[in-house]
Amino acid sequence: MNSEFWKAALVRAVRTVAQTAIATIGTTAMIEQVNWIAVGSASLLSGILSILTSIATGLPETQPMIEYRYMDENGVPVDGHYMLVHNVEEDVCDGETCDLSKYLDGDGK
């Protein structure tokens, strides 16, 4: 787990904490009725759970990714027809060509 992973995990955790705080505060009718200890506790716990979930499942935005463009019969990329392939092994690409056959369906799509 590199610094890119920890930065992305922290961003997710902060968003989760904010969402939990908003949801918890939103359950009360008036601002003076907010139980700030409960808001802080629930928000902190959600942040910890977010970090643990990121460690356990990984973060797709930090995984290697290749954009694969479909080509016509002349080898020209077809506009609007592409896919993003996540978790690509490093040996898939050799220079400018990539063998993505194991990531595609049997008909190459």
PDB file of N, CA and C in Angstrom:
ATOM      1  N   MET A   1       0.843  -1.169   0.000  1.00  0.00           N
ATOM      2  CA  MET A   1       0.000   0.000   0.000  1.00  0.00           C
ATOM      3  C   MET A   1       0.895   1.241   0.000  1.00  0.00           C
ATOM      4  N   ASN A   2       0.801   1.975  -1.086  1.00  0.00           N
ATOM      5  CA  ASN A   2       1.655   3.143  -1.257  1.00  0.00           C
ATOM      6  C   ASN A   2       0.945   4.425  -0.827  1.00  0.00           C
ATOM      7  N   SER A   3       1.623   5.547  -1.013  1.00  0.00           N
ATOM      8  CA  SER A   3       1.052   6.830  -0.579  1.00  0.00           C
ATOM      9  C   SER A   3      -0.204   7.184  -1.374  1.00  0.00           C
ATOM     10  N   GLU A   4      -0.280   6.755  -2.638  1.00  0.00           N
ATOM     11  CA  GLU A   4      -1.482   7.013  -3.445  1.00  0.00           C
ATOM     12  C   GLU A   4      -2.694   6.300  -2.832  1.00  0.00           C
ATOM     13  N   PHE A   5      -2.494   5.069  -2.380  1.00  0.00           N
ATOM     14  CA  PHE A   5      -3.569   4.316  -1.743  1.00  0.00           C
ATOM     15  C   PHE A   5      -4.035   5.027  -0.477  1.00  0.00           C
ATOM     16  N   TRP A   6      -3.094   5.428   0.391  1.00  0.00           N
ATOM     17  CA  TRP A   6      -3.460   6.056   1.659  1.00  0.00           C
ATOM     18  C   TRP A   6      -4.148   7.399   1.446  1.00  0.00           C
ATOM     19  N   LYS A   7      -3.714   8.136   0.429  1.00  0.00           N
ATOM     20  CA  LYS A   7      -4.368   9.415   0.131  1.00  0.00           C
ATOM     21  C   LYS A   7      -5.815   9.173  -0.303  1.00  0.00           C
ATOM     22  N   ALA A   8      -6.035   8.205  -1.210  1.00  0.00           N
ATOM     23  CA  ALA A   8      -7.386   7.890  -1.674  1.00  0.00           C
ATOM     24  C   ALA A   8      -8.245   7.347  -0.533  1.00  0.00           C
ATOM     25  N   ALA A   9      -7.663   6.504   0.315  1.00  0.00           N
ATOM     26  CA  ALA A   9      -8.417   5.944   1.452  1.00  0.00           C
ATOM     27  C   ALA A   9      -8.809   7.048   2.428  1.00  0.00           C
ATOM     28  N   LEU A  10      -7.912   7.994   2.657  1.00  0.00           N
ATOM     29  CA  LEU A  10      -8.205   9.096   3.569  1.00  0.00           C
ATOM     30  C   LEU A  10      -9.311   9.992   3.008  1.00  0.00           C
ATOM     31  N   VAL A  11      -9.263  10.259   1.713  1.00  0.00           N
ATOM     32  CA  VAL A  11     -10.309  11.063   1.080  1.00  0.00           C
ATOM     33  C   VAL A  11     -11.664  10.374   1.246  1.00  0.00           C
ATOM     34  N   ARG A  12     -11.704   9.063   1.007  1.00  0.00           N
ATOM     35  CA  ARG A  12     -12.952   8.314   1.189  1.00  0.00           C
ATOM     36  C   ARG A  12     -13.426   8.374   2.637  1.00  0.00           C
ATOM     37  N   ALA A  13     -12.501   8.214   3.569  1.00  0.00           N
ATOM     38  CA  ALA A  13     -12.865   8.217   4.991  1.00  0.00           C
ATOM     39  C   ALA A  13     -13.427   9.576   5.400  1.00  0.00           C
ATOM     40  N   VAL A  14     -12.812  10.651   4.946  1.00  0.00           N
ATOM     41  CA  VAL A  14     -13.295  11.994   5.292  1.00  0.00           C
ATOM     42  C   VAL A  14     -14.698  12.215   4.728  1.00  0.00           C
ATOM     43  N   ARG A  15     -14.933  11.767   3.500  1.00  0.00           N
ATOM     44  CA  ARG A  15     -16.280  11.877   2.921  1.00  0.00           C
ATOM     45  C   ARG A  15     -17.288  11.074   3.733  1.00  0.00           C
ATOM     46  N   THR A  16     -16.886   9.878   4.134  1.00  0.00           N
ATOM     47  CA  THR A  16     -17.777   9.028   4.922  1.00  0.00           C
ATOM     48  C   THR A  16     -18.099   9.666   6.268  1.00  0.00           C
ATOM     49  N   VAL A  17     -17.091  10.235   6.925  1.00  0.00           N
ATOM     50  CA  VAL A  17     -17.306  10.926   8.204  1.00  0.00           C
ATOM     51  C   VAL A  17     -18.282  12.073   8.022  1.00  0.00           C
ATOM     52  N   ALA A  18     -18.091  12.861   6.968  1.00  0.00           N
ATOM     53  CA  ALA A  18     -18.990  13.997   6.717  1.00  0.00           C
ATOM     54  C   ALA A  18     -20.418  13.526   6.442  1.00  0.00           C
ATOM     55  N   GLN A  19     -20.558  12.476   5.647  1.00  0.00           N
ATOM     56  CA  GLN A  19     -21.897  11.962   5.353  1.00  0.00           C
ATOM     57  C   GLN A  19     -22.580  11.447   6.618  1.00  0.00           C
ATOM     58  N   THR A  20     -21.834  10.763   7.466  1.00  0.00           N
ATOM     59  CA  THR A  20     -22.405  10.251   8.709  1.00  0.00           C
ATOM     60  C   THR A  20     -22.814  11.389   9.623  1.00  0.00           C
ATOM     61  N   ALA A  21     -21.979  12.418   9.728  1.00  0.00           N
ATOM     62  CA  ALA A  21     -22.308  13.573  10.571  1.00  0.00           C
ATOM     63  C   ALA A  21     -23.575  14.258  10.066  1.00  0.00           C
ATOM     64  N   ILE A  22     -23.663  14.438   8.759  1.00  0.00           N
ATOM     65  CA  ILE A  22     -24.855  15.075   8.185  1.00  0.00           C
ATOM     66  C   ILE A  22     -26.100  14.244   8.465  1.00  0.00           C
ATOM     67  N   ALA A  23     -25.984  12.943   8.277  1.00  0.00           N
ATOM     68  CA  ALA A  23     -27.139  12.065   8.524  1.00  0.00           C
ATOM     69  C   ALA A  23     -27.533  12.060   9.994  1.00  0.00           C
ATOM     70  N   THR A  24     -26.554  12.036  10.876  1.00  0.00           N
ATOM     71  CA  THR A  24     -26.831  11.990  12.314  1.00  0.00           C
ATOM     72  C   THR A  24     -27.430  13.314  12.796  1.00  0.00           C
ATOM     73  N   ILE A  25     -26.877  14.416  12.337  1.00  0.00           N
ATOM     74  CA  ILE A  25     -27.410  15.724  12.717  1.00  0.00           C
ATOM     75  C   ILE A  25     -28.825  15.897  12.165  1.00  0.00           C
ATOM     76  N   GLY A  26     -29.043  15.365  10.962  1.00  0.00           N
ATOM     77  CA  GLY A  26     -30.341  15.511  10.311  1.00  0.00           C
ATOM     78  C   GLY A  26     -31.471  14.760  10.982  1.00  0.00           C
ATOM     79  N   THR A  27     -31.160  13.899  11.938  1.00  0.00           N
ATOM     80  CA  THR A  27     -32.222  13.151  12.613  1.00  0.00           C
ATOM     81  C   THR A  27     -32.872  13.937  13.743  1.00  0.00           C
ATOM     82  N   THR A  28     -32.340  15.108  14.076  1.00  0.00           N
ATOM     83  CA  THR A  28     -32.928  15.918  15.152  1.00  0.00           C
ATOM     84  C   THR A  28     -33.715  17.082  14.555  1.00  0.00           C
ATOM     85  N   ALA A  29     -34.677  17.556  15.308  1.00  0.00           N
ATOM     86  CA  ALA A  29     -35.555  18.622  14.824  1.00  0.00           C
ATOM     87  C   ALA A  29     -34.910  19.998  14.949  1.00  0.00           C
ATOM     88  N   MET A  30     -34.147  20.232  16.025  1.00  0.00           N
ATOM     89  CA  MET A  30     -33.563  21.552  16.259  1.00  0.00           C
ATOM     90  C   MET A  30     -32.088  21.397  16.600  1.00  0.00           C
ATOM     91  N   ILE A  31     -31.291  22.399  16.253  1.00  0.00           N
ATOM     92  CA  ILE A  31     -29.843  22.331  16.428  1.00  0.00           C
ATOM     93  C   ILE A  31     -29.442  22.131  17.883  1.00  0.00           C
ATOM     94  N   GLU A  32     -30.198  22.694  18.812  1.00  0.00           N
ATOM     95  CA  GLU A  32     -29.832  22.527  20.227  1.00  0.00           C
ATOM     96  C   GLU A  32     -30.165  21.136  20.756  1.00  0.00           C
ATOM     97  N   GLN A  33     -30.895  20.360  19.983  1.00  0.00           N
ATOM     98  CA  GLN A  33     -31.204  18.994  20.390  1.00  0.00           C
ATOM     99  C   GLN A  33     -30.189  17.972  19.866  1.00  0.00           C
ATOM    100  N   VAL A  34     -29.205  18.431  19.106  1.00  0.00           N
ATOM    101  CA  VAL A  34     -28.210  17.520  18.543  1.00  0.00           C
ATOM    102  C   VAL A  34     -27.341  16.966  19.667  1.00  0.00           C
ATOM    103  N   ASN A  35     -27.196  15.668  19.702  1.00  0.00           N
ATOM    104  CA  ASN A  35     -26.303  15.006  20.651  1.00  0.00           C
ATOM    105  C   ASN A  35     -24.924  14.943  19.975  1.00  0.00           C
ATOM    106  N   TRP A  36     -24.098  15.960  20.260  1.00  0.00           N
ATOM    107  CA  TRP A  36     -22.816  16.092  19.572  1.00  0.00           C
ATOM    108  C   TRP A  36     -21.862  14.947  19.878  1.00  0.00           C
ATOM    109  N   ILE A  37     -21.964  14.352  21.047  1.00  0.00           N
ATOM    110  CA  ILE A  37     -21.119  13.201  21.380  1.00  0.00           C
ATOM    111  C   ILE A  37     -21.492  12.011  20.488  1.00  0.00           C
ATOM    112  N   ALA A  38     -22.788  11.807  20.293  1.00  0.00           N
ATOM    113  CA  ALA A  38     -23.239  10.722  19.413  1.00  0.00           C
ATOM    114  C   ALA A  38     -22.835  10.996  17.967  1.00  0.00           C
ATOM    115  N   VAL A  39     -22.943  12.239  17.520  1.00  0.00           N
ATOM    116  CA  VAL A  39     -22.542  12.595  16.160  1.00  0.00           C
ATOM    117  C   VAL A  39     -21.052  12.317  15.968  1.00  0.00           C
ATOM    118  N   GLY A  40     -20.236  12.786  16.903  1.00  0.00           N
ATOM    119  CA  GLY A  40     -18.798  12.581  16.807  1.00  0.00           C
ATOM    120  C   GLY A  40     -18.415  11.110  16.862  1.00  0.00           C
ATOM    121  N   SER A  41     -19.045  10.382  17.756  1.00  0.00           N
ATOM    122  CA  SER A  41     -18.748   8.955  17.907  1.00  0.00           C
ATOM    123  C   SER A  41     -19.119   8.168  16.656  1.00  0.00           C
ATOM    124  N   ALA A  42     -20.323   8.376  16.154  1.00  0.00           N
ATOM    125  CA  ALA A  42     -20.770   7.662  14.951  1.00  0.00           C
ATOM    126  C   ALA A  42     -19.909   8.042  13.740  1.00  0.00           C
ATOM    127  N   SER A  43     -19.563   9.314  13.636  1.00  0.00           N
ATOM    128  CA  SER A  43     -18.754   9.776  12.507  1.00  0.00           C
ATOM    129  C   SER A  43     -17.344   9.205  12.564  1.00  0.00           C
ATOM    130  N   LEU A  44     -16.734   9.203  13.734  1.00  0.00           N
ATOM    131  CA  LEU A  44     -15.392   8.644  13.894  1.00  0.00           C
ATOM    132  C   LEU A  44     -15.399   7.152  13.581  1.00  0.00           C
ATOM    133  N   LEU A  45     -16.392   6.440  14.080  1.00  0.00           N
ATOM    134  CA  LEU A  45     -16.496   5.008  13.812  1.00  0.00           C
ATOM    135  C   LEU A  45     -16.659   4.745  12.323  1.00  0.00           C
ATOM    136  N   SER A  46     -17.461   5.546  11.641  1.00  0.00           N
ATOM    137  CA  SER A  46     -17.640   5.343  10.198  1.00  0.00           C
ATOM    138  C   SER A  46     -16.332   5.594   9.442  1.00  0.00           C
ATOM    139  N   GLY A  47     -15.542   6.563   9.903  1.00  0.00           N
ATOM    140  CA  GLY A  47     -14.241   6.816   9.279  1.00  0.00           C
ATOM    141  C   GLY A  47     -13.289   5.647   9.453  1.00  0.00           C
ATOM    142  N   ILE A  48     -13.271   5.075  10.643  1.00  0.00           N
ATOM    143  CA  ILE A  48     -12.422   3.907  10.911  1.00  0.00           C
ATOM    144  C   ILE A  48     -12.869   2.728  10.048  1.00  0.00           C
ATOM    145  N   LEU A  49     -14.179   2.504   9.976  1.00  0.00           N
ATOM    146  CA  LEU A  49     -14.693   1.411   9.149  1.00  0.00           C
ATOM    147  C   LEU A  49     -14.378   1.637   7.670  1.00  0.00           C
ATOM    148  N   SER A  50     -14.401   2.866   7.218  1.00  0.00           N
ATOM    149  CA  SER A  50     -14.063   3.173   5.840  1.00  0.00           C
ATOM    150  C   SER A  50     -12.609   2.810   5.533  1.00  0.00           C
ATOM    151  N   ILE A  51     -11.692   3.180   6.421  1.00  0.00           N
ATOM    152  CA  ILE A  51     -10.276   2.845   6.243  1.00  0.00           C
ATOM    153  C   ILE A  51     -10.093   1.325   6.225  1.00  0.00           C
ATOM    154  N   LEU A  52     -10.724   0.618   7.166  1.00  0.00           N
ATOM    155  CA  LEU A  52     -10.599  -0.840   7.221  1.00  0.00           C
ATOM    156  C   LEU A  52     -11.175  -1.494   5.963  1.00  0.00           C
ATOM    157  N   THR A  53     -12.285  -0.968   5.463  1.00  0.00           N
ATOM    158  CA  THR A  53     -12.870  -1.495   4.232  1.00  0.00           C
ATOM    159  C   THR A  53     -11.932  -1.269   3.049  1.00  0.00           C
ATOM    160  N   SER A  54     -11.300  -0.101   2.991  1.00  0.00           N
ATOM    161  CA  SER A  54     -10.351   0.186   1.914  1.00  0.00           C
ATOM    162  C   SER A  54      -9.172  -0.777   1.964  1.00  0.00           C
ATOM    163  N   ILE A  55      -8.693  -1.062   3.157  1.00  0.00           N
ATOM    164  CA  ILE A  55      -7.579  -2.010   3.302  1.00  0.00           C
ATOM    165  C   ILE A  55      -8.014  -3.404   2.872  1.00  0.00           C
ATOM    166  N   ALA A  56      -9.202  -3.805   3.279  1.00  0.00           N
ATOM    167  CA  ALA A  56      -9.673  -5.165   2.994  1.00  0.00           C
ATOM    168  C   ALA A  56     -10.033  -5.379   1.525  1.00  0.00           C
ATOM    169  N   THR A  57     -10.625  -4.380   0.890  1.00  0.00           N
ATOM    170  CA  THR A  57     -11.130  -4.576  -0.474  1.00  0.00           C
ATOM    171  C   THR A  57     -10.329  -3.847  -1.534  1.00  0.00           C
ATOM    172  N   GLY A  58      -9.462  -2.937  -1.151  1.00  0.00           N
ATOM    173  CA  GLY A  58      -8.709  -2.164  -2.126  1.00  0.00           C
ATOM    174  C   GLY A  58      -9.524  -1.000  -2.662  1.00  0.00           C
ATOM    175  N   LEU A  59      -8.864  -0.174  -3.430  1.00  0.00           N
ATOM    176  CA  LEU A  59      -9.509   1.002  -4.020  1.00  0.00           C
ATOM    177  C   LEU A  59      -9.320   0.948  -5.531  1.00  0.00           C
ATOM    178  N   PRO A  60     -10.403   0.818  -6.295  1.00  0.00           N
ATOM    179  CA  PRO A  60     -10.263   0.697  -7.744  1.00  0.00           C
ATOM    180  C   PRO A  60      -9.545   1.887  -8.379  1.00  0.00           C
ATOM    181  N   GLU A  61      -9.695   3.071  -7.811  1.00  0.00           N
ATOM    182  CA  GLU A  61      -9.056   4.242  -8.418  1.00  0.00           C
ATOM    183  C   GLU A  61      -7.544   4.242  -8.287  1.00  0.00           C
ATOM    184  N   THR A  62      -6.977   3.349  -7.475  1.00  0.00           N
ATOM    185  CA  THR A  62      -5.524   3.268  -7.343  1.00  0.00           C
ATOM    186  C   THR A  62      -4.947   2.063  -8.075  1.00  0.00           C
ATOM    187  N   GLN A  63      -5.804   1.289  -8.758  1.00  0.00           N
ATOM    188  CA  GLN A  63      -5.356   0.106  -9.479  1.00  0.00           C
ATOM    189  C   GLN A  63      -4.931   0.479 -10.897  1.00  0.00           C
ATOM    190  N   PRO A  64      -3.979  -0.253 -11.475  1.00  0.00           N
ATOM    191  CA  PRO A  64      -3.599   0.006 -12.867  1.00  0.00           C
ATOM    192  C   PRO A  64      -4.808  -0.147 -13.786  1.00  0.00           C
ATOM    193  N   MET A  65      -4.867   0.674 -14.804  1.00  0.00           N
ATOM    194  CA  MET A  65      -6.018   0.655 -15.691  1.00  0.00           C
ATOM    195  C   MET A  65      -5.557   0.986 -17.105  1.00  0.00           C
ATOM    196  N   ILE A  66      -6.128   0.315 -18.076  1.00  0.00           N
ATOM    197  CA  ILE A  66      -5.827   0.570 -19.477  1.00  0.00           C
ATOM    198  C   ILE A  66      -7.129   0.898 -20.187  1.00  0.00           C
ATOM    199  N   GLU A  67      -7.090   1.899 -21.050  1.00  0.00           N
ATOM    200  CA  GLU A  67      -8.242   2.193 -21.895  1.00  0.00           C
ATOM    201  C   GLU A  67      -8.075   1.404 -23.178  1.00  0.00           C
ATOM    202  N   TYR A  68      -9.014   0.539 -23.483  1.00  0.00           N
ATOM    203  CA  TYR A  68      -8.980  -0.278 -24.690  1.00  0.00           C
ATOM    204  C   TYR A  68      -9.977   0.292 -25.676  1.00  0.00           C
ATOM    205  N   ARG A  69      -9.503   0.683 -26.844  1.00  0.00           N
ATOM    206  CA  ARG A  69     -10.386   1.235 -27.881  1.00  0.00           C
ATOM    207  C   ARG A  69     -10.622   0.182 -28.953  1.00  0.00           C
ATOM    208  N   TYR A  70     -11.879   0.051 -29.342  1.00  0.00           N
ATOM    209  CA  TYR A  70     -12.210  -0.856 -30.436  1.00  0.00           C
ATOM    210  C   TYR A  70     -11.792  -0.222 -31.757  1.00  0.00           C
ATOM    211  N   MET A  71     -11.259  -1.024 -32.656  1.00  0.00           N
ATOM    212  CA  MET A  71     -10.777  -0.540 -33.944  1.00  0.00           C
ATOM    213  C   MET A  71     -11.671  -1.063 -35.068  1.00  0.00           C
ATOM    214  N   ASP A  72     -11.780  -0.264 -36.144  1.00  0.00           N
ATOM    215  CA  ASP A  72     -12.489  -0.767 -37.318  1.00  0.00           C
ATOM    216  C   ASP A  72     -11.539  -1.644 -38.129  1.00  0.00           C
ATOM    217  N   GLU A  73     -11.984  -2.107 -39.298  1.00  0.00           N
ATOM    218  CA  GLU A  73     -11.158  -3.021 -40.100  1.00  0.00           C
ATOM    219  C   GLU A  73      -9.867  -2.379 -40.598  1.00  0.00           C
ATOM    220  N   ASN A  74      -9.791  -1.042 -40.577  1.00  0.00           N
ATOM    221  CA  ASN A  74      -8.584  -0.337 -41.006  1.00  0.00           C
ATOM    222  C   ASN A  74      -7.669   0.028 -39.837  1.00  0.00           C
ATOM    223  N   GLY A  75      -8.043  -0.404 -38.636  1.00  0.00           N
ATOM    224  CA  GLY A  75      -7.224  -0.109 -37.470  1.00  0.00           C
ATOM    225  C   GLY A  75      -7.451   1.273 -36.886  1.00  0.00           C
ATOM    226  N   VAL A  76      -8.568   1.912 -37.258  1.00  0.00           N
ATOM    227  CA  VAL A  76      -8.894   3.251 -36.759  1.00  0.00           C
ATOM    228  C   VAL A  76      -9.816   3.102 -35.550  1.00  0.00           C
ATOM    229  N   PRO A  77      -9.492   3.799 -34.432  1.00  0.00           N
ATOM    230  CA  PRO A  77     -10.365   3.704 -33.253  1.00  0.00           C
ATOM    231  C   PRO A  77     -11.797   4.150 -33.571  1.00  0.00           C
ATOM    232  N   VAL A  78     -12.766   3.394 -33.082  1.00  0.00           N
ATOM    233  CA  VAL A  78     -14.170   3.713 -33.291  1.00  0.00           C
ATOM    234  C   VAL A  78     -14.618   4.609 -32.146  1.00  0.00           C
ATOM    235  N   ASP A  79     -15.061   5.832 -32.477  1.00  0.00           N
ATOM    236  CA  ASP A  79     -15.470   6.792 -31.449  1.00  0.00           C
ATOM    237  C   ASP A  79     -16.586   6.226 -30.578  1.00  0.00           C
ATOM    238  N   GLY A  80     -16.461   6.440 -29.274  1.00  0.00           N
ATOM    239  CA  GLY A  80     -17.492   6.035 -28.333  1.00  0.00           C
ATOM    240  C   GLY A  80     -17.486   4.562 -27.987  1.00  0.00           C
ATOM    241  N   HIS A  81     -16.586   3.789 -28.564  1.00  0.00           N
ATOM    242  CA  HIS A  81     -16.525   2.358 -28.274  1.00  0.00           C
ATOM    243  C   HIS A  81     -15.182   2.044 -27.615  1.00  0.00           C
ATOM    244  N   TYR A  82     -15.195   2.019 -26.328  1.00  0.00           N
ATOM    245  CA  TYR A  82     -13.991   1.681 -25.583  1.00  0.00           C
ATOM    246  C   TYR A  82     -14.403   1.131 -24.234  1.00  0.00           C
ATOM    247  N   MET A  83     -13.451   0.565 -23.550  1.00  0.00           N
ATOM    248  CA  MET A  83     -13.710   0.082 -22.196  1.00  0.00           C
ATOM    249  C   MET A  83     -12.472   0.329 -21.359  1.00  0.00           C
ATOM    250  N   LEU A  84     -12.661   0.403 -20.060  1.00  0.00           N
ATOM    251  CA  LEU A  84     -11.558   0.549 -19.145  1.00  0.00           C
ATOM    252  C   LEU A  84     -11.346  -0.794 -18.462  1.00  0.00           C
ATOM    253  N   VAL A  85     -10.119  -1.258 -18.472  1.00  0.00           N
ATOM    254  CA  VAL A  85      -9.792  -2.544 -17.878  1.00  0.00           C
ATOM    255  C   VAL A  85      -8.994  -2.274 -16.611  1.00  0.00           C
ATOM    256  N   HIS A  86      -9.542  -2.677 -15.457  1.00  0.00           N
ATOM    257  CA  HIS A  86      -8.875  -2.487 -14.176  1.00  0.00           C
ATOM    258  C   HIS A  86      -8.033  -3.705 -13.837  1.00  0.00           C
ATOM    259  N   ASN A  87      -7.139  -3.528 -12.893  1.00  0.00           N
ATOM    260  CA  ASN A  87      -6.312  -4.616 -12.374  1.00  0.00           C
ATOM    261  C   ASN A  87      -5.548  -5.342 -13.479  1.00  0.00           C
ATOM    262  N   VAL A  88      -4.986  -4.577 -14.387  1.00  0.00           N
ATOM    263  CA  VAL A  88      -4.214  -5.146 -15.484  1.00  0.00           C
ATOM    264  C   VAL A  88      -2.836  -5.526 -14.960  1.00  0.00           C
ATOM    265  N   GLU A  89      -2.415  -6.747 -15.277  1.00  0.00           N
ATOM    266  CA  GLU A  89      -1.078  -7.157 -14.866  1.00  0.00           C
ATOM    267  C   GLU A  89      -0.046  -6.389 -15.674  1.00  0.00           C
ATOM    268  N   GLU A  90       1.107  -6.179 -15.097  1.00  0.00           N
ATOM    269  CA  GLU A  90       2.107  -5.334 -15.740  1.00  0.00           C
ATOM    270  C   GLU A  90       2.656  -5.933 -17.031  1.00  0.00           C
ATOM    271  N   ASP A  91       2.624  -7.259 -17.184  1.00  0.00           N
ATOM    272  CA  ASP A  91       3.208  -7.878 -18.377  1.00  0.00           C
ATOM    273  C   ASP A  91       2.234  -7.939 -19.554  1.00  0.00           C
ATOM    274  N   VAL A  92       1.047  -7.354 -19.421  1.00  0.00           N
ATOM    275  CA  VAL A  92       0.055  -7.386 -20.491  1.00  0.00           C
ATOM    276  C   VAL A  92       0.504  -6.526 -21.670  1.00  0.00           C
ATOM    277  N   CYS A  93       1.137  -5.397 -21.403  1.00  0.00           N
ATOM    278  CA  CYS A  93       1.543  -4.476 -22.462  1.00  0.00           C
ATOM    279  C   CYS A  93       3.027  -4.612 -22.770  1.00  0.00           C
ATOM    280  N   ASP A  94       3.321  -4.595 -24.050  1.00  0.00           N
ATOM    281  CA  ASP A  94       4.703  -4.642 -24.515  1.00  0.00           C
ATOM    282  C   ASP A  94       4.881  -3.463 -25.464  1.00  0.00           C
ATOM    283  N   GLY A  95       5.471  -2.394 -24.994  1.00  0.00           N
ATOM    284  CA  GLY A  95       5.598  -1.197 -25.814  1.00  0.00           C
ATOM    285  C   GLY A  95       4.247  -0.523 -25.943  1.00  0.00           C
ATOM    286  N   GLU A  96       3.766  -0.405 -27.183  1.00  0.00           N
ATOM    287  CA  GLU A  96       2.488   0.272 -27.406  1.00  0.00           C
ATOM    288  C   GLU A  96       1.334  -0.689 -27.635  1.00  0.00           C
ATOM    289  N   THR A  97       1.600  -1.989 -27.709  1.00  0.00           N
ATOM    290  CA  THR A  97       0.515  -2.947 -27.927  1.00  0.00           C
ATOM    291  C   THR A  97       0.206  -3.673 -26.633  1.00  0.00           C
ATOM    292  N   CYS A  98      -1.055  -4.011 -26.450  1.00  0.00           N
ATOM    293  CA  CYS A  98      -1.485  -4.711 -25.242  1.00  0.00           C
ATOM    294  C   CYS A  98      -2.318  -5.921 -25.632  1.00  0.00           C
ATOM    295  N   ASP A  99      -2.056  -7.047 -24.993  1.00  0.00           N
ATOM    296  CA  ASP A  99      -2.868  -8.237 -25.208  1.00  0.00           C
ATOM    297  C   ASP A  99      -3.918  -8.277 -24.111  1.00  0.00           C
ATOM    298  N   LEU A 100      -5.131  -7.831 -24.449  1.00  0.00           N
ATOM    299  CA  LEU A 100      -6.216  -7.778 -23.482  1.00  0.00           C
ATOM    300  C   LEU A 100      -7.198  -8.923 -23.673  1.00  0.00           C
ATOM    301  N   SER A 101      -6.810  -9.950 -24.422  1.00  0.00           N
ATOM    302  CA  SER A 101      -7.743 -11.018 -24.775  1.00  0.00           C
ATOM    303  C   SER A 101      -8.357 -11.685 -23.553  1.00  0.00           C
ATOM    304  N   LYS A 102      -7.593 -11.831 -22.483  1.00  0.00           N
ATOM    305  CA  LYS A 102      -8.171 -12.500 -21.313  1.00  0.00           C
ATOM    306  C   LYS A 102      -9.158 -11.608 -20.564  1.00  0.00           C
ATOM    307  N   TYR A 103      -9.208 -10.315 -20.897  1.00  0.00           N
ATOM    308  CA  TYR A 103     -10.150  -9.404 -20.267  1.00  0.00           C
ATOM    309  C   TYR A 103     -11.417  -9.214 -21.106  1.00  0.00           C
ATOM    310  N   LEU A 104     -11.409  -9.736 -22.340  1.00  0.00           N
ATOM    311  CA  LEU A 104     -12.523  -9.541 -23.248  1.00  0.00           C
ATOM    312  C   LEU A 104     -13.352 -10.809 -23.370  1.00  0.00           C
ATOM    313  N   ASP A 105     -14.580 -10.659 -23.862  1.00  0.00           N
ATOM    314  CA  ASP A 105     -15.427 -11.825 -24.150  1.00  0.00           C
ATOM    315  C   ASP A 105     -14.817 -12.599 -25.321  1.00  0.00           C
ATOM    316  N   GLY A 106     -15.367 -13.756 -25.579  1.00  0.00           N
ATOM    317  CA  GLY A 106     -14.865 -14.596 -26.656  1.00  0.00           C
ATOM    318  C   GLY A 106     -14.886 -13.938 -28.022  1.00  0.00           C
ATOM    319  N   ASP A 107     -15.830 -13.022 -28.270  1.00  0.00           N
ATOM    320  CA  ASP A 107     -15.911 -12.372 -29.583  1.00  0.00           C
ATOM    321  C   ASP A 107     -15.073 -11.096 -29.644  1.00  0.00           C
ATOM    322  N   GLY A 108     -14.255 -10.830 -28.608  1.00  0.00           N
ATOM    323  CA  GLY A 108     -13.365  -9.670 -28.625  1.00  0.00           C
ATOM    324  C   GLY A 108     -14.033  -8.392 -28.208  1.00  0.00           C
ATOM    325  N   LYS A 109     -15.203  -8.502 -27.562  1.00  0.00           N
ATOM    326  CA  LYS A 109     -15.915  -7.287 -27.137  1.00  0.00           C
ATOM    327  C   LYS A 109     -16.209  -7.355 -25.658  1.00  0.00           C
TER     328      LYS A 109
END
